[in-house]
């Protein structure tokens, strides 16, 4: 008789629900990035001119980065749109490095707020604000794989930041360890989409499309071999 955990390790997806969830999140992420780019170019033609964009940002002074940072923080807590979509906008508006820096600052602030709130008010509170099916799915995964498993989830852009932060808050992981996972895990994908946003601002749409395609393909491959990644991380740690 085969152990259920071992059987699951051999499959790309644990269930049809998990497969559908990953596919939907990937399609939403790519679709949202494309939609935002097209909408901005149609609504404000001047956005295709980098100098025009920089001039408009300069007119807002310190308020433009601050507003963006607040929005990126809020997406972790409220999850209205994927954080990577905002990261691409950040790259478009502020450049790759500044955009990534603003995005990650917002993500760290939002992740800290969710983590601390979950730890302070406990599971009854989390169960009221998080979809029960999603909470059970990721709660079980993190309980089984620990810090290494949580790192893999943060590394892949298709997984929900807010749910993962709530789940982490219910564990015994220390806040500084958790934030290290967030920064190290999320920065690569945020940097990639910020770079893509910068390429759109510079008119290099082909380069932007290539970056997003590679990011999506990498996410799919990484998810497919996630069990091997987790096993490797567990041996190291």
Protein backbone atom coordinates (compact mmCIF):
# COMPACT_ATOMS: atom_id res chain seq x y z
CA UNK A 1 0.00 0.00 0.00
CA UNK A 2 1.39 3.42 -0.98
CA UNK A 3 1.46 6.20 1.62
CA UNK A 4 -0.76 9.12 0.61
CA UNK A 5 2.00 11.69 1.13
CA UNK A 6 4.40 9.71 -1.06
CA UNK A 7 1.75 9.41 -3.74
CA UNK A 8 1.18 13.14 -3.64
CA UNK A 9 4.91 13.79 -4.02
CA UNK A 10 4.82 12.11 -7.39
CA UNK A 11 2.11 14.33 -8.82
CA UNK A 12 2.46 17.81 -10.20
CA UNK A 13 -0.80 18.90 -8.52
CA UNK A 14 -2.27 17.47 -5.34
CA UNK A 15 -5.83 17.75 -6.70
CA UNK A 16 -7.97 19.15 -9.48
CA UNK A 17 -8.73 22.13 -7.26
CA UNK A 18 -5.02 22.87 -6.76
CA UNK A 19 -4.39 22.54 -10.51
CA UNK A 20 -7.25 24.88 -11.36
CA UNK A 21 -6.13 27.36 -8.70
CA UNK A 22 -2.58 27.51 -10.09
CA UNK A 23 -3.75 27.85 -13.69
CA UNK A 24 -6.26 30.57 -12.85
CA UNK A 25 -3.72 32.56 -10.84
CA UNK A 26 -1.13 32.34 -13.63
CA UNK A 27 -3.63 33.42 -16.28
CA UNK A 28 -4.93 36.26 -14.09
CA UNK A 29 -1.39 37.49 -13.45
CA UNK A 30 -0.39 37.48 -17.13
CA UNK A 31 -3.77 38.83 -18.26
CA UNK A 32 -3.71 41.63 -15.71
CA UNK A 33 -0.20 42.67 -16.73
CA UNK A 34 -1.24 42.81 -20.39
CA UNK A 35 -4.52 44.59 -19.62
CA UNK A 36 -2.84 47.24 -17.47
CA UNK A 37 -0.26 47.91 -20.18
CA UNK A 38 -2.87 48.20 -22.96
CA UNK A 39 -5.23 50.30 -20.84
CA UNK A 40 -2.51 52.76 -19.88
CA UNK A 41 -1.32 53.15 -23.46
CA UNK A 42 -4.88 53.72 -24.76
CA UNK A 43 -6.12 55.95 -21.95
CA UNK A 44 -3.03 58.16 -21.76
CA UNK A 45 -1.00 58.06 -24.98
CA UNK A 46 1.67 60.20 -23.36
CA UNK A 47 2.58 57.24 -21.16
CA UNK A 48 4.47 55.78 -24.09
CA UNK A 49 6.93 58.68 -23.81
CA UNK A 50 9.37 58.08 -20.91
CA UNK A 51 10.19 61.77 -20.62
CA UNK A 52 6.49 62.66 -20.37
CA UNK A 53 6.05 60.06 -17.63
CA UNK A 54 9.04 61.26 -15.65
CA UNK A 55 7.86 64.86 -15.91
CA UNK A 56 4.42 63.97 -14.54
CA UNK A 57 5.92 61.98 -11.67
CA UNK A 58 8.24 64.86 -10.80
CA UNK A 59 5.19 67.12 -10.52
CA UNK A 60 3.92 65.00 -7.60
CA UNK A 61 7.26 65.10 -5.79
CA UNK A 62 7.47 62.70 -2.85
CA UNK A 63 3.74 61.92 -3.00
CA UNK A 64 3.95 59.65 -6.05
CA UNK A 65 6.30 57.06 -4.47
CA UNK A 66 4.39 57.32 -1.19
CA UNK A 67 1.04 56.67 -2.86
CA UNK A 68 2.49 53.71 -4.75
CA UNK A 69 4.01 52.29 -1.56
CA UNK A 70 0.66 52.55 0.26
CA UNK A 71 -1.09 50.80 -2.62
CA UNK A 72 1.46 47.98 -2.66
CA UNK A 73 1.08 47.60 1.11
CA UNK A 74 -2.71 47.46 0.80
CA UNK A 75 -2.64 44.73 -1.87
CA UNK A 76 -1.04 42.32 0.61
CA UNK A 77 -3.73 43.02 3.20
CA UNK A 78 -6.73 43.27 0.87
CA UNK A 79 -5.42 41.46 -2.25
CA UNK A 80 -7.48 43.44 -4.80
CA UNK A 81 -4.91 42.78 -7.54
CA UNK A 82 -1.73 40.67 -7.70
CA UNK A 83 1.31 42.42 -6.26
CA UNK A 84 3.33 41.63 -9.38
CA UNK A 85 0.94 43.73 -11.46
CA UNK A 86 1.66 46.73 -9.26
CA UNK A 87 5.36 45.90 -9.39
CA UNK A 88 5.26 46.19 -13.18
CA UNK A 89 3.56 49.56 -12.85
CA UNK A 90 6.28 50.58 -10.39
CA UNK A 91 8.94 49.65 -12.92
CA UNK A 92 7.08 51.58 -15.59
CA UNK A 93 6.83 54.72 -13.45
CA UNK A 94 10.01 54.71 -11.38
CA UNK A 95 12.48 52.45 -13.18
CA UNK A 96 13.54 48.91 -12.36
CA UNK A 97 15.51 49.42 -9.14
CA UNK A 98 13.41 52.17 -7.57
CA UNK A 99 10.19 50.45 -8.60
CA UNK A 100 11.34 47.17 -7.10
CA UNK A 101 12.47 48.95 -3.93
CA UNK A 102 9.11 50.69 -3.48
CA UNK A 103 7.23 47.46 -4.20
CA UNK A 104 9.24 45.37 -1.76
CA UNK A 105 8.95 48.03 0.95
CA UNK A 106 5.18 47.94 0.56
CA UNK A 107 5.13 44.14 0.51
CA UNK A 108 7.22 43.95 3.69
CA UNK A 109 4.97 46.44 5.48
CA UNK A 110 1.79 44.67 4.38
CA UNK A 111 3.19 41.23 5.18
CA UNK A 112 4.23 42.39 8.64
CA UNK A 113 0.76 43.79 9.32
CA UNK A 114 -0.98 40.57 8.26
CA UNK A 115 1.50 38.34 10.11
CA UNK A 116 1.26 40.31 13.37
CA UNK A 117 -2.53 40.52 13.16
CA UNK A 118 -2.86 36.76 12.65
CA UNK A 119 -0.51 36.06 15.55
CA UNK A 120 -2.23 38.56 17.84
CA UNK A 121 -5.84 37.44 17.24
CA UNK A 122 -5.23 33.78 16.40
CA UNK A 123 -6.99 31.21 14.27
CA UNK A 124 -10.60 32.26 15.03
CA UNK A 125 -9.90 35.66 13.49
CA UNK A 126 -8.04 34.22 10.49
CA UNK A 127 -10.85 31.77 9.80
CA UNK A 128 -13.26 34.71 9.57
CA UNK A 129 -11.22 36.69 7.01
CA UNK A 130 -9.63 33.94 4.88
CA UNK A 131 -11.38 31.51 2.56
CA UNK A 132 -11.61 28.24 4.57
CA UNK A 133 -10.58 26.01 1.66
CA UNK A 134 -7.51 28.14 0.90
CA UNK A 135 -6.57 28.32 4.57
CA UNK A 136 -6.80 24.55 5.02
CA UNK A 137 -4.79 23.88 1.85
CA UNK A 138 -1.83 26.13 2.66
CA UNK A 139 -2.01 25.56 6.41
CA UNK A 140 -1.54 21.82 5.85
CA UNK A 141 1.28 22.35 3.36
CA UNK A 142 3.24 24.72 5.63
CA UNK A 143 2.66 22.47 8.64
CA UNK A 144 4.21 19.58 6.71
CA UNK A 145 7.12 21.41 5.04
CA UNK A 146 7.90 24.23 7.48
CA UNK A 147 10.11 27.20 6.61
CA UNK A 148 11.48 25.62 3.44
CA UNK A 149 8.00 24.97 2.06
CA UNK A 150 6.90 28.51 2.88
CA UNK A 151 9.97 29.85 1.07
CA UNK A 152 9.05 27.90 -2.07
CA UNK A 153 5.53 29.36 -1.99
CA UNK A 154 6.86 32.91 -1.70
CA UNK A 155 9.34 32.25 -4.50
CA UNK A 156 6.56 31.45 -6.99
CA UNK A 157 4.47 34.47 -8.04
CA UNK A 158 1.24 32.51 -8.53
CA UNK A 159 0.60 31.99 -4.82
CA UNK A 160 -1.50 34.43 -2.73
CA UNK A 161 0.60 36.75 -0.52
CA UNK A 162 -2.20 37.51 1.93
CA UNK A 163 -3.16 33.90 2.68
CA UNK A 164 0.47 32.85 3.10
CA UNK A 165 1.09 35.71 5.54
CA UNK A 166 -1.96 34.73 7.59
CA UNK A 167 -0.83 31.09 7.63
CA UNK A 168 2.70 32.06 8.66
CA UNK A 169 1.29 34.13 11.52
CA UNK A 170 -0.37 31.01 12.91
CA UNK A 171 2.93 29.11 13.07
CA UNK A 172 5.84 29.47 15.49
CA UNK A 173 8.03 31.10 12.81
CA UNK A 174 9.71 34.25 14.11
CA UNK A 175 8.82 37.54 12.45
CA UNK A 176 12.38 38.24 11.26
CA UNK A 177 12.62 34.78 9.71
CA UNK A 178 9.29 35.28 8.00
CA UNK A 179 10.30 38.68 6.59
CA UNK A 180 13.55 37.19 5.32
CA UNK A 181 11.51 34.61 3.42
CA UNK A 182 9.30 37.35 2.00
CA UNK A 183 12.20 39.52 0.83
CA UNK A 184 14.36 36.72 -0.57
CA UNK A 185 11.43 34.84 -2.07
CA UNK A 186 9.46 37.71 -3.60
CA UNK A 187 12.26 40.00 -4.83
CA UNK A 188 13.26 37.98 -7.95
CA UNK A 189 9.77 37.98 -9.48
CA UNK A 190 9.12 41.60 -8.47
CA UNK A 191 12.44 42.63 -10.00
CA UNK A 192 11.60 40.78 -13.22
CA UNK A 193 8.19 42.37 -13.69
CA UNK A 194 9.53 45.81 -12.73
CA UNK A 195 12.14 45.38 -15.45
CA UNK A 196 9.37 44.41 -17.86
CA UNK A 197 7.49 47.56 -16.88
CA UNK A 198 10.60 49.64 -17.53
CA UNK A 199 10.95 48.06 -20.96
CA UNK A 200 7.34 48.98 -21.77
CA UNK A 201 8.07 52.59 -20.78
CA UNK A 202 11.07 52.55 -23.12
CA UNK A 203 9.00 51.12 -25.97
CA UNK A 204 10.73 47.72 -25.91
CA UNK A 205 7.53 45.67 -25.90
CA UNK A 206 9.21 42.57 -27.28
CA UNK A 207 11.70 42.48 -24.40
CA UNK A 208 8.90 43.01 -21.88
CA UNK A 209 6.87 40.16 -23.40
CA UNK A 210 9.91 37.88 -23.34
CA UNK A 211 10.58 38.61 -19.66
CA UNK A 212 6.97 37.92 -18.70
CA UNK A 213 6.90 34.73 -20.77
CA UNK A 214 10.08 33.44 -19.13
CA UNK A 215 8.74 34.34 -15.67
CA UNK A 216 5.49 32.48 -16.32
CA UNK A 217 7.29 29.44 -17.73
CA UNK A 218 9.70 29.41 -14.80
CA UNK A 219 6.81 29.54 -12.34
CA UNK A 220 5.10 26.59 -14.00
CA UNK A 221 8.29 24.51 -14.01
CA UNK A 222 9.12 25.42 -10.40
CA UNK A 223 5.61 24.47 -9.29
CA UNK A 224 5.89 21.15 -11.11
CA UNK A 225 9.07 20.22 -9.21
CA UNK A 226 8.14 21.95 -5.94
CA UNK A 227 8.43 18.73 -3.91
CA UNK A 228 12.03 18.21 -5.02
CA UNK A 229 12.82 21.85 -4.21
CA UNK A 230 11.31 21.52 -0.74
CA UNK A 231 13.19 18.24 -0.13
CA UNK A 232 16.46 19.87 -1.15
CA UNK A 233 15.88 22.88 1.09
CA UNK A 234 15.02 20.63 4.02
CA UNK A 235 18.32 18.76 3.61
CA UNK A 236 20.22 22.05 3.61
CA UNK A 237 18.41 23.44 6.65
